[in-house]
Amino acid sequence: MSKNEKHDRLLIQIKKVLALLKEKYLSQPTPMLELIISRYQHANDMLESCNMEDLRKDMFRISGSVRAYLESHNDYMNPMLGEMDKAEDMLTDTFN
């Protein structure tokens, strides 16, 4: 898979997670959820506006979001966590 295809798939996944996070925030607003949303929004904005050659994995701050979410929410069975984990894996795959 080309780097551009990986970029496109990662962007789609980030948007999917962002939508799920915002939906969760509407029903249960918390400062931690707000922080996670801001990090995913930042990742989305970078993917949409920057050239792939200028990006590095360490510029994205979504790694560890699953753990951060679970530290503030007792919601281990939430399917959103699987999508967040998938986004983190795709980020690693895109920049390795």
PDB file of N, CA and C in Angstrom:
ATOM      1  N   MET A   1       0.840  -1.174   0.000  1.00  0.00           N
ATOM      2  CA  MET A   1       0.000   0.000   0.000  1.00  0.00           C
ATOM      3  C   MET A   1       0.891   1.245   0.000  1.00  0.00           C
ATOM      4  N   SER A   2       0.545   2.193  -0.833  1.00  0.00           N
ATOM      5  CA  SER A   2       1.361   3.407  -0.940  1.00  0.00           C
ATOM      6  C   SER A   2       1.164   4.306   0.283  1.00  0.00           C
ATOM      7  N   LYS A   3       2.089   5.214   0.450  1.00  0.00           N
ATOM      8  CA  LYS A   3       2.020   6.156   1.574  1.00  0.00           C
ATOM      9  C   LYS A   3       0.767   7.025   1.467  1.00  0.00           C
ATOM     10  N   ASN A   4       0.379   7.392   0.257  1.00  0.00           N
ATOM     11  CA  ASN A   4      -0.832   8.197   0.068  1.00  0.00           C
ATOM     12  C   ASN A   4      -2.087   7.415   0.448  1.00  0.00           C
ATOM     13  N   GLU A   5      -2.124   6.135   0.117  1.00  0.00           N
ATOM     14  CA  GLU A   5      -3.266   5.302   0.503  1.00  0.00           C
ATOM     15  C   GLU A   5      -3.334   5.157   2.015  1.00  0.00           C
ATOM     16  N   LYS A   6      -2.184   4.982   2.654  1.00  0.00           N
ATOM     17  CA  LYS A   6      -2.152   4.889   4.117  1.00  0.00           C
ATOM     18  C   LYS A   6      -2.627   6.197   4.742  1.00  0.00           C
ATOM     19  N   HIS A   7      -2.181   7.315   4.165  1.00  0.00           N
ATOM     20  CA  HIS A   7      -2.609   8.632   4.630  1.00  0.00           C
ATOM     21  C   HIS A   7      -4.124   8.761   4.552  1.00  0.00           C
ATOM     22  N   ASP A   8      -4.699   8.390   3.415  1.00  0.00           N
ATOM     23  CA  ASP A   8      -6.144   8.507   3.213  1.00  0.00           C
ATOM     24  C   ASP A   8      -6.913   7.619   4.187  1.00  0.00           C
ATOM     25  N   ARG A   9      -6.444   6.401   4.390  1.00  0.00           N
ATOM     26  CA  ARG A   9      -7.113   5.485   5.319  1.00  0.00           C
ATOM     27  C   ARG A   9      -7.011   6.000   6.755  1.00  0.00           C
ATOM     28  N   LEU A  10      -5.856   6.532   7.122  1.00  0.00           N
ATOM     29  CA  LEU A  10      -5.687   7.081   8.465  1.00  0.00           C
ATOM     30  C   LEU A  10      -6.611   8.277   8.669  1.00  0.00           C
ATOM     31  N   LEU A  11      -6.709   9.147   7.693  1.00  0.00           N
ATOM     32  CA  LEU A  11      -7.579  10.307   7.800  1.00  0.00           C
ATOM     33  C   LEU A  11      -9.038   9.884   7.979  1.00  0.00           C
ATOM     34  N   ILE A  12      -9.471   8.896   7.231  1.00  0.00           N
ATOM     35  CA  ILE A  12     -10.843   8.383   7.368  1.00  0.00           C
ATOM     36  C   ILE A  12     -11.064   7.833   8.773  1.00  0.00           C
ATOM     37  N   GLN A  13     -10.083   7.087   9.284  1.00  0.00           N
ATOM     38  CA  GLN A  13     -10.207   6.503  10.620  1.00  0.00           C
ATOM     39  C   GLN A  13     -10.228   7.594  11.693  1.00  0.00           C
ATOM     40  N   ILE A  14      -9.388   8.594  11.550  1.00  0.00           N
ATOM     41  CA  ILE A  14      -9.360   9.706  12.508  1.00  0.00           C
ATOM     42  C   ILE A  14     -10.718  10.407  12.529  1.00  0.00           C
ATOM     43  N   LYS A  15     -11.297  10.644  11.356  1.00  0.00           N
ATOM     44  CA  LYS A  15     -12.607  11.289  11.272  1.00  0.00           C
ATOM     45  C   LYS A  15     -13.687  10.422  11.933  1.00  0.00           C
ATOM     46  N   LYS A  16     -13.597   9.117  11.740  1.00  0.00           N
ATOM     47  CA  LYS A  16     -14.560   8.194  12.343  1.00  0.00           C
ATOM     48  C   LYS A  16     -14.478   8.262  13.868  1.00  0.00           C
ATOM     49  N   VAL A  17     -13.270   8.203  14.399  1.00  0.00           N
ATOM     50  CA  VAL A  17     -13.081   8.261  15.850  1.00  0.00           C
ATOM     51  C   VAL A  17     -13.531   9.613  16.382  1.00  0.00           C
ATOM     52  N   LEU A  18     -13.204  10.667  15.683  1.00  0.00           N
ATOM     53  CA  LEU A  18     -13.587  12.009  16.105  1.00  0.00           C
ATOM     54  C   LEU A  18     -15.110  12.132  16.221  1.00  0.00           C
ATOM     55  N   ALA A  19     -15.827  11.588  15.261  1.00  0.00           N
ATOM     56  CA  ALA A  19     -17.297  11.616  15.305  1.00  0.00           C
ATOM     57  C   ALA A  19     -17.814  10.831  16.512  1.00  0.00           C
ATOM     58  N   LEU A  20     -17.229   9.665  16.785  1.00  0.00           N
ATOM     59  CA  LEU A  20     -17.645   8.856  17.936  1.00  0.00           C
ATOM     60  C   LEU A  20     -17.349   9.574  19.250  1.00  0.00           C
ATOM     61  N   LEU A  21     -16.190  10.210  19.330  1.00  0.00           N
ATOM     62  CA  LEU A  21     -15.815  10.943  20.542  1.00  0.00           C
ATOM     63  C   LEU A  21     -16.767  12.113  20.791  1.00  0.00           C
ATOM     64  N   LYS A  22     -17.097  12.836  19.754  1.00  0.00           N
ATOM     65  CA  LYS A  22     -17.990  13.986  19.898  1.00  0.00           C
ATOM     66  C   LYS A  22     -19.387  13.543  20.310  1.00  0.00           C
ATOM     67  N   GLU A  23     -19.818  12.417  19.766  1.00  0.00           N
ATOM     68  CA  GLU A  23     -21.120  11.866  20.149  1.00  0.00           C
ATOM     69  C   GLU A  23     -21.118  11.488  21.635  1.00  0.00           C
ATOM     70  N   LYS A  24     -20.054  10.855  22.086  1.00  0.00           N
ATOM     71  CA  LYS A  24     -19.922  10.485  23.497  1.00  0.00           C
ATOM     72  C   LYS A  24     -19.885  11.733  24.377  1.00  0.00           C
ATOM     73  N   TYR A  25     -19.195  12.760  23.929  1.00  0.00           N
ATOM     74  CA  TYR A  25     -19.072  14.002  24.685  1.00  0.00           C
ATOM     75  C   TYR A  25     -20.432  14.669  24.899  1.00  0.00           C
ATOM     76  N   LEU A  26     -21.305  14.566  23.910  1.00  0.00           N
ATOM     77  CA  LEU A  26     -22.641  15.160  24.043  1.00  0.00           C
ATOM     78  C   LEU A  26     -23.425  14.542  25.193  1.00  0.00           C
ATOM     79  N   SER A  27     -23.254  13.237  25.378  1.00  0.00           N
ATOM     80  CA  SER A  27     -23.997  12.557  26.440  1.00  0.00           C
ATOM     81  C   SER A  27     -23.250  12.528  27.771  1.00  0.00           C
ATOM     82  N   GLN A  28     -21.935  12.676  27.729  1.00  0.00           N
ATOM     83  CA  GLN A  28     -21.135  12.601  28.951  1.00  0.00           C
ATOM     84  C   GLN A  28     -19.900  13.498  28.826  1.00  0.00           C
ATOM     85  N   PRO A  29     -20.084  14.811  28.940  1.00  0.00           N
ATOM     86  CA  PRO A  29     -18.940  15.719  28.805  1.00  0.00           C
ATOM     87  C   PRO A  29     -18.002  15.629  30.013  1.00  0.00           C
ATOM     88  N   THR A  30     -16.730  15.420  29.718  1.00  0.00           N
ATOM     89  CA  THR A  30     -15.704  15.396  30.765  1.00  0.00           C
ATOM     90  C   THR A  30     -14.469  16.113  30.234  1.00  0.00           C
ATOM     91  N   PRO A  31     -13.644  16.643  31.125  1.00  0.00           N
ATOM     92  CA  PRO A  31     -12.409  17.299  30.672  1.00  0.00           C
ATOM     93  C   PRO A  31     -11.475  16.343  29.916  1.00  0.00           C
ATOM     94  N   MET A  32     -11.388  15.079  30.349  1.00  0.00           N
ATOM     95  CA  MET A  32     -10.515  14.123  29.659  1.00  0.00           C
ATOM     96  C   MET A  32     -11.009  13.866  28.243  1.00  0.00           C
ATOM     97  N   LEU A  33     -12.298  13.713  28.079  1.00  0.00           N
ATOM     98  CA  LEU A  33     -12.860  13.490  26.750  1.00  0.00           C
ATOM     99  C   LEU A  33     -12.626  14.714  25.865  1.00  0.00           C
ATOM    100  N   GLU A  34     -12.740  15.879  26.450  1.00  0.00           N
ATOM    101  CA  GLU A  34     -12.467  17.111  25.708  1.00  0.00           C
ATOM    102  C   GLU A  34     -11.008  17.155  25.238  1.00  0.00           C
ATOM    103  N   LEU A  35     -10.085  16.732  26.089  1.00  0.00           N
ATOM    104  CA  LEU A  35      -8.668  16.690  25.727  1.00  0.00           C
ATOM    105  C   LEU A  35      -8.419  15.690  24.593  1.00  0.00           C
ATOM    106  N   ILE A  36      -9.018  14.521  24.696  1.00  0.00           N
ATOM    107  CA  ILE A  36      -8.843  13.496  23.653  1.00  0.00           C
ATOM    108  C   ILE A  36      -9.410  13.999  22.326  1.00  0.00           C
ATOM    109  N   ILE A  37     -10.560  14.627  22.377  1.00  0.00           N
ATOM    110  CA  ILE A  37     -11.157  15.194  21.155  1.00  0.00           C
ATOM    111  C   ILE A  37     -10.213  16.225  20.540  1.00  0.00           C
ATOM    112  N   SER A  38      -9.633  17.082  21.366  1.00  0.00           N
ATOM    113  CA  SER A  38      -8.737  18.111  20.822  1.00  0.00           C
ATOM    114  C   SER A  38      -7.519  17.477  20.159  1.00  0.00           C
ATOM    115  N   ARG A  39      -7.022  16.379  20.707  1.00  0.00           N
ATOM    116  CA  ARG A  39      -5.875  15.704  20.107  1.00  0.00           C
ATOM    117  C   ARG A  39      -6.233  15.054  18.775  1.00  0.00           C
ATOM    118  N   TYR A  40      -7.405  14.440  18.712  1.00  0.00           N
ATOM    119  CA  TYR A  40      -7.840  13.855  17.442  1.00  0.00           C
ATOM    120  C   TYR A  40      -8.131  14.952  16.413  1.00  0.00           C
ATOM    121  N   GLN A  41      -8.680  16.070  16.865  1.00  0.00           N
ATOM    122  CA  GLN A  41      -8.937  17.182  15.944  1.00  0.00           C
ATOM    123  C   GLN A  41      -7.623  17.724  15.391  1.00  0.00           C
ATOM    124  N   HIS A  42      -6.622  17.832  16.241  1.00  0.00           N
ATOM    125  CA  HIS A  42      -5.298  18.286  15.810  1.00  0.00           C
ATOM    126  C   HIS A  42      -4.718  17.321  14.772  1.00  0.00           C
ATOM    127  N   ALA A  43      -4.836  16.021  15.024  1.00  0.00           N
ATOM    128  CA  ALA A  43      -4.348  15.017  14.066  1.00  0.00           C
ATOM    129  C   ALA A  43      -5.085  15.151  12.740  1.00  0.00           C
ATOM    130  N   ASN A  44      -6.394  15.330  12.801  1.00  0.00           N
ATOM    131  CA  ASN A  44      -7.198  15.505  11.598  1.00  0.00           C
ATOM    132  C   ASN A  44      -6.744  16.736  10.821  1.00  0.00           C
ATOM    133  N   ASP A  45      -6.560  17.841  11.528  1.00  0.00           N
ATOM    134  CA  ASP A  45      -6.156  19.082  10.873  1.00  0.00           C
ATOM    135  C   ASP A  45      -4.793  18.948  10.206  1.00  0.00           C
ATOM    136  N   MET A  46      -3.860  18.277  10.870  1.00  0.00           N
ATOM    137  CA  MET A  46      -2.531  18.093  10.280  1.00  0.00           C
ATOM    138  C   MET A  46      -2.605  17.238   9.019  1.00  0.00           C
ATOM    139  N   LEU A  47      -3.383  16.155   9.081  1.00  0.00           N
ATOM    140  CA  LEU A  47      -3.494  15.278   7.914  1.00  0.00           C
ATOM    141  C   LEU A  47      -4.156  15.989   6.737  1.00  0.00           C
ATOM    142  N   GLU A  48      -5.081  16.882   7.038  1.00  0.00           N
ATOM    143  CA  GLU A  48      -5.778  17.598   5.964  1.00  0.00           C
ATOM    144  C   GLU A  48      -4.952  18.733   5.367  1.00  0.00           C
ATOM    145  N   SER A  49      -4.058  19.319   6.156  1.00  0.00           N
ATOM    146  CA  SER A  49      -3.409  20.536   5.682  1.00  0.00           C
ATOM    147  C   SER A  49      -1.914  20.415   5.395  1.00  0.00           C
ATOM    148  N   CYS A  50      -1.281  19.374   5.862  1.00  0.00           N
ATOM    149  CA  CYS A  50       0.168  19.263   5.698  1.00  0.00           C
ATOM    150  C   CYS A  50       0.531  18.228   4.637  1.00  0.00           C
ATOM    151  N   ASN A  51       1.673  18.433   4.043  1.00  0.00           N
ATOM    152  CA  ASN A  51       2.232  17.482   3.095  1.00  0.00           C
ATOM    153  C   ASN A  51       2.732  16.267   3.873  1.00  0.00           C
ATOM    154  N   MET A  52       2.441  15.074   3.398  1.00  0.00           N
ATOM    155  CA  MET A  52       2.828  13.843   4.103  1.00  0.00           C
ATOM    156  C   MET A  52       4.316  13.782   4.385  1.00  0.00           C
ATOM    157  N   GLU A  53       5.128  14.289   3.484  1.00  0.00           N
ATOM    158  CA  GLU A  53       6.578  14.244   3.662  1.00  0.00           C
ATOM    159  C   GLU A  53       7.041  15.104   4.835  1.00  0.00           C
ATOM    160  N   ASP A  54       6.207  16.072   5.232  1.00  0.00           N
ATOM    161  CA  ASP A  54       6.560  16.960   6.337  1.00  0.00           C
ATOM    162  C   ASP A  54       6.106  16.434   7.704  1.00  0.00           C
ATOM    163  N   LEU A  55       5.347  15.344   7.705  1.00  0.00           N
ATOM    164  CA  LEU A  55       4.788  14.822   8.954  1.00  0.00           C
ATOM    165  C   LEU A  55       5.631  13.679   9.515  1.00  0.00           C
ATOM    166  N   ARG A  56       5.625  13.587  10.850  1.00  0.00           N
ATOM    167  CA  ARG A  56       6.276  12.484  11.557  1.00  0.00           C
ATOM    168  C   ARG A  56       5.312  11.972  12.625  1.00  0.00           C
ATOM    169  N   LYS A  57       5.469  10.723  12.994  1.00  0.00           N
ATOM    170  CA  LYS A  57       4.575  10.114  13.979  1.00  0.00           C
ATOM    171  C   LYS A  57       4.555  10.897  15.278  1.00  0.00           C
ATOM    172  N   ASP A  58       5.689  11.411  15.712  1.00  0.00           N
ATOM    173  CA  ASP A  58       5.744  12.097  17.001  1.00  0.00           C
ATOM    174  C   ASP A  58       5.005  13.442  16.998  1.00  0.00           C
ATOM    175  N   MET A  59       4.552  13.886  15.841  1.00  0.00           N
ATOM    176  CA  MET A  59       3.770  15.119  15.756  1.00  0.00           C
ATOM    177  C   MET A  59       2.311  14.884  16.151  1.00  0.00           C
ATOM    178  N   PHE A  60       1.903  13.635  16.137  1.00  0.00           N
ATOM    179  CA  PHE A  60       0.530  13.266  16.480  1.00  0.00           C
ATOM    180  C   PHE A  60       0.480  12.889  17.959  1.00  0.00           C
ATOM    181  N   ARG A  61      -0.557  13.328  18.634  1.00  0.00           N
ATOM    182  CA  ARG A  61      -0.640  13.078  20.073  1.00  0.00           C
ATOM    183  C   ARG A  61      -1.822  12.190  20.427  1.00  0.00           C
ATOM    184  N   ILE A  62      -2.148  11.261  19.551  1.00  0.00           N
ATOM    185  CA  ILE A  62      -3.281  10.385  19.839  1.00  0.00           C
ATOM    186  C   ILE A  62      -2.855   9.076  20.490  1.00  0.00           C
ATOM    187  N   SER A  63      -1.564   8.755  20.436  1.00  0.00           N
ATOM    188  CA  SER A  63      -1.093   7.526  21.071  1.00  0.00           C
ATOM    189  C   SER A  63      -1.371   7.598  22.566  1.00  0.00           C
ATOM    190  N   GLY A  64      -1.907   6.519  23.105  1.00  0.00           N
ATOM    191  CA  GLY A  64      -2.240   6.464  24.527  1.00  0.00           C
ATOM    192  C   GLY A  64      -3.638   6.973  24.842  1.00  0.00           C
ATOM    193  N   SER A  65      -4.409   7.329  23.825  1.00  0.00           N
ATOM    194  CA  SER A  65      -5.752   7.857  24.050  1.00  0.00           C
ATOM    195  C   SER A  65      -6.689   6.821  24.652  1.00  0.00           C
ATOM    196  N   VAL A  66      -6.526   5.572  24.259  1.00  0.00           N
ATOM    197  CA  VAL A  66      -7.376   4.510  24.808  1.00  0.00           C
ATOM    198  C   VAL A  66      -7.156   4.426  26.320  1.00  0.00           C
ATOM    199  N   ARG A  67      -5.914   4.398  26.724  1.00  0.00           N
ATOM    200  CA  ARG A  67      -5.592   4.320  28.156  1.00  0.00           C
ATOM    201  C   ARG A  67      -6.113   5.553  28.892  1.00  0.00           C
ATOM    202  N   ALA A  68      -5.923   6.723  28.301  1.00  0.00           N
ATOM    203  CA  ALA A  68      -6.402   7.960  28.925  1.00  0.00           C
ATOM    204  C   ALA A  68      -7.920   7.936  29.089  1.00  0.00           C
ATOM    205  N   TYR A  69      -8.615   7.457  28.077  1.00  0.00           N
ATOM    206  CA  TYR A  69     -10.075   7.363  28.151  1.00  0.00           C
ATOM    207  C   TYR A  69     -10.488   6.427  29.283  1.00  0.00           C
ATOM    208  N   LEU A  70      -9.843   5.274  29.361  1.00  0.00           N
ATOM    209  CA  LEU A  70     -10.218   4.287  30.376  1.00  0.00           C
ATOM    210  C   LEU A  70      -9.890   4.740  31.793  1.00  0.00           C
ATOM    211  N   GLU A  71      -8.904   5.624  31.941  1.00  0.00           N
ATOM    212  CA  GLU A  71      -8.589   6.153  33.262  1.00  0.00           C
ATOM    213  C   GLU A  71      -9.682   7.072  33.782  1.00  0.00           C
ATOM    214  N   SER A  72     -10.457   7.659  32.894  1.00  0.00           N
ATOM    215  CA  SER A  72     -11.495   8.587  33.329  1.00  0.00           C
ATOM    216  C   SER A  72     -12.917   8.056  33.137  1.00  0.00           C
ATOM    217  N   HIS A  73     -13.063   6.981  32.406  1.00  0.00           N
ATOM    218  CA  HIS A  73     -14.384   6.394  32.154  1.00  0.00           C
ATOM    219  C   HIS A  73     -14.322   4.894  32.415  1.00  0.00           C
ATOM    220  N   ASN A  74     -15.257   4.381  33.140  1.00  0.00           N
ATOM    221  CA  ASN A  74     -15.346   2.943  33.384  1.00  0.00           C
ATOM    222  C   ASN A  74     -16.243   2.344  32.306  1.00  0.00           C
ATOM    223  N   ASP A  75     -15.706   2.285  31.097  1.00  0.00           N
ATOM    224  CA  ASP A  75     -16.509   1.947  29.915  1.00  0.00           C
ATOM    225  C   ASP A  75     -15.710   0.994  29.006  1.00  0.00           C
ATOM    226  N   TYR A  76     -15.254  -0.095  29.591  1.00  0.00           N
ATOM    227  CA  TYR A  76     -14.337  -1.004  28.891  1.00  0.00           C
ATOM    228  C   TYR A  76     -14.935  -1.668  27.659  1.00  0.00           C
ATOM    229  N   MET A  77     -16.235  -1.780  27.598  1.00  0.00           N
ATOM    230  CA  MET A  77     -16.876  -2.489  26.486  1.00  0.00           C
ATOM    231  C   MET A  77     -17.315  -1.550  25.356  1.00  0.00           C
ATOM    232  N   ASN A  78     -16.961  -0.295  25.428  1.00  0.00           N
ATOM    233  CA  ASN A  78     -17.355   0.670  24.409  1.00  0.00           C
ATOM    234  C   ASN A  78     -16.638   0.346  23.099  1.00  0.00           C
ATOM    235  N   PRO A  79     -17.396   0.108  22.008  1.00  0.00           N
ATOM    236  CA  PRO A  79     -16.781  -0.195  20.706  1.00  0.00           C
ATOM    237  C   PRO A  79     -15.889   0.932  20.179  1.00  0.00           C
ATOM    238  N   MET A  80     -16.096   2.129  20.673  1.00  0.00           N
ATOM    239  CA  MET A  80     -15.267   3.260  20.268  1.00  0.00           C
ATOM    240  C   MET A  80     -13.796   2.999  20.588  1.00  0.00           C
ATOM    241  N   LEU A  81     -13.528   2.268  21.663  1.00  0.00           N
ATOM    242  CA  LEU A  81     -12.148   1.976  22.049  1.00  0.00           C
ATOM    243  C   LEU A  81     -11.429   1.165  20.973  1.00  0.00           C
ATOM    244  N   GLY A  82     -12.133   0.248  20.353  1.00  0.00           N
ATOM    245  CA  GLY A  82     -11.557  -0.536  19.255  1.00  0.00           C
ATOM    246  C   GLY A  82     -11.198   0.347  18.077  1.00  0.00           C
ATOM    247  N   GLU A  83     -12.030   1.328  17.806  1.00  0.00           N
ATOM    248  CA  GLU A  83     -11.763   2.265  16.702  1.00  0.00           C
ATOM    249  C   GLU A  83     -10.573   3.173  17.035  1.00  0.00           C
ATOM    250  N   MET A  84     -10.472   3.570  18.300  1.00  0.00           N
ATOM    251  CA  MET A  84      -9.336   4.385  18.721  1.00  0.00           C
ATOM    252  C   MET A  84      -8.037   3.578  18.615  1.00  0.00           C
ATOM    253  N   ASP A  85      -8.086   2.320  19.035  1.00  0.00           N
ATOM    254  CA  ASP A  85      -6.912   1.451  18.942  1.00  0.00           C
ATOM    255  C   ASP A  85      -6.508   1.249  17.484  1.00  0.00           C
ATOM    256  N   LYS A  86      -7.496   1.082  16.633  1.00  0.00           N
ATOM    257  CA  LYS A  86      -7.235   0.926  15.197  1.00  0.00           C
ATOM    258  C   LYS A  86      -6.544   2.174  14.633  1.00  0.00           C
ATOM    259  N   ALA A  87      -6.996   3.357  15.053  1.00  0.00           N
ATOM    260  CA  ALA A  87      -6.378   4.608  14.593  1.00  0.00           C
ATOM    261  C   ALA A  87      -4.918   4.679  15.043  1.00  0.00           C
ATOM    262  N   GLU A  88      -4.641   4.286  16.290  1.00  0.00           N
ATOM    263  CA  GLU A  88      -3.266   4.299  16.787  1.00  0.00           C
ATOM    264  C   GLU A  88      -2.389   3.331  15.993  1.00  0.00           C
ATOM    265  N   ASP A  89      -2.924   2.141  15.696  1.00  0.00           N
ATOM    266  CA  ASP A  89      -2.174   1.159  14.898  1.00  0.00           C
ATOM    267  C   ASP A  89      -1.911   1.677  13.488  1.00  0.00           C
ATOM    268  N   MET A  90      -2.913   2.312  12.894  1.00  0.00           N
ATOM    269  CA  MET A  90      -2.759   2.851  11.543  1.00  0.00           C
ATOM    270  C   MET A  90      -1.729   3.979  11.529  1.00  0.00           C
ATOM    271  N   LEU A  91      -1.696   4.776  12.575  1.00  0.00           N
ATOM    272  CA  LEU A  91      -0.709   5.847  12.681  1.00  0.00           C
ATOM    273  C   LEU A  91       0.700   5.259  12.678  1.00  0.00           C
ATOM    274  N   THR A  92       0.893   4.223  13.466  1.00  0.00           N
ATOM    275  CA  THR A  92       2.199   3.556  13.516  1.00  0.00           C
ATOM    276  C   THR A  92       2.553   2.985  12.154  1.00  0.00           C
ATOM    277  N   ASP A  93       1.606   2.330  11.510  1.00  0.00           N
ATOM    278  CA  ASP A  93       1.843   1.723  10.198  1.00  0.00           C
ATOM    279  C   ASP A  93       2.145   2.775   9.133  1.00  0.00           C
ATOM    280  N   THR A  94       1.496   3.902   9.204  1.00  0.00           N
ATOM    281  CA  THR A  94       1.682   4.952   8.204  1.00  0.00           C
ATOM    282  C   THR A  94       3.070   5.569   8.280  1.00  0.00           C
ATOM    283  N   PHE A  95       3.611   5.682   9.479  1.00  0.00           N
ATOM    284  CA  PHE A  95       4.883   6.385   9.632  1.00  0.00           C
ATOM    285  C   PHE A  95       6.051   5.467   9.939  1.00  0.00           C
ATOM    286  N   ASN A  96       5.907   4.200   9.718  1.00  0.00           N
ATOM    287  CA  ASN A  96       7.045   3.254   9.884  1.00  0.00           C
ATOM    288  C   ASN A  96       7.521   2.780   8.543  1.00  0.00           C
TER     289      ASN A  96
END
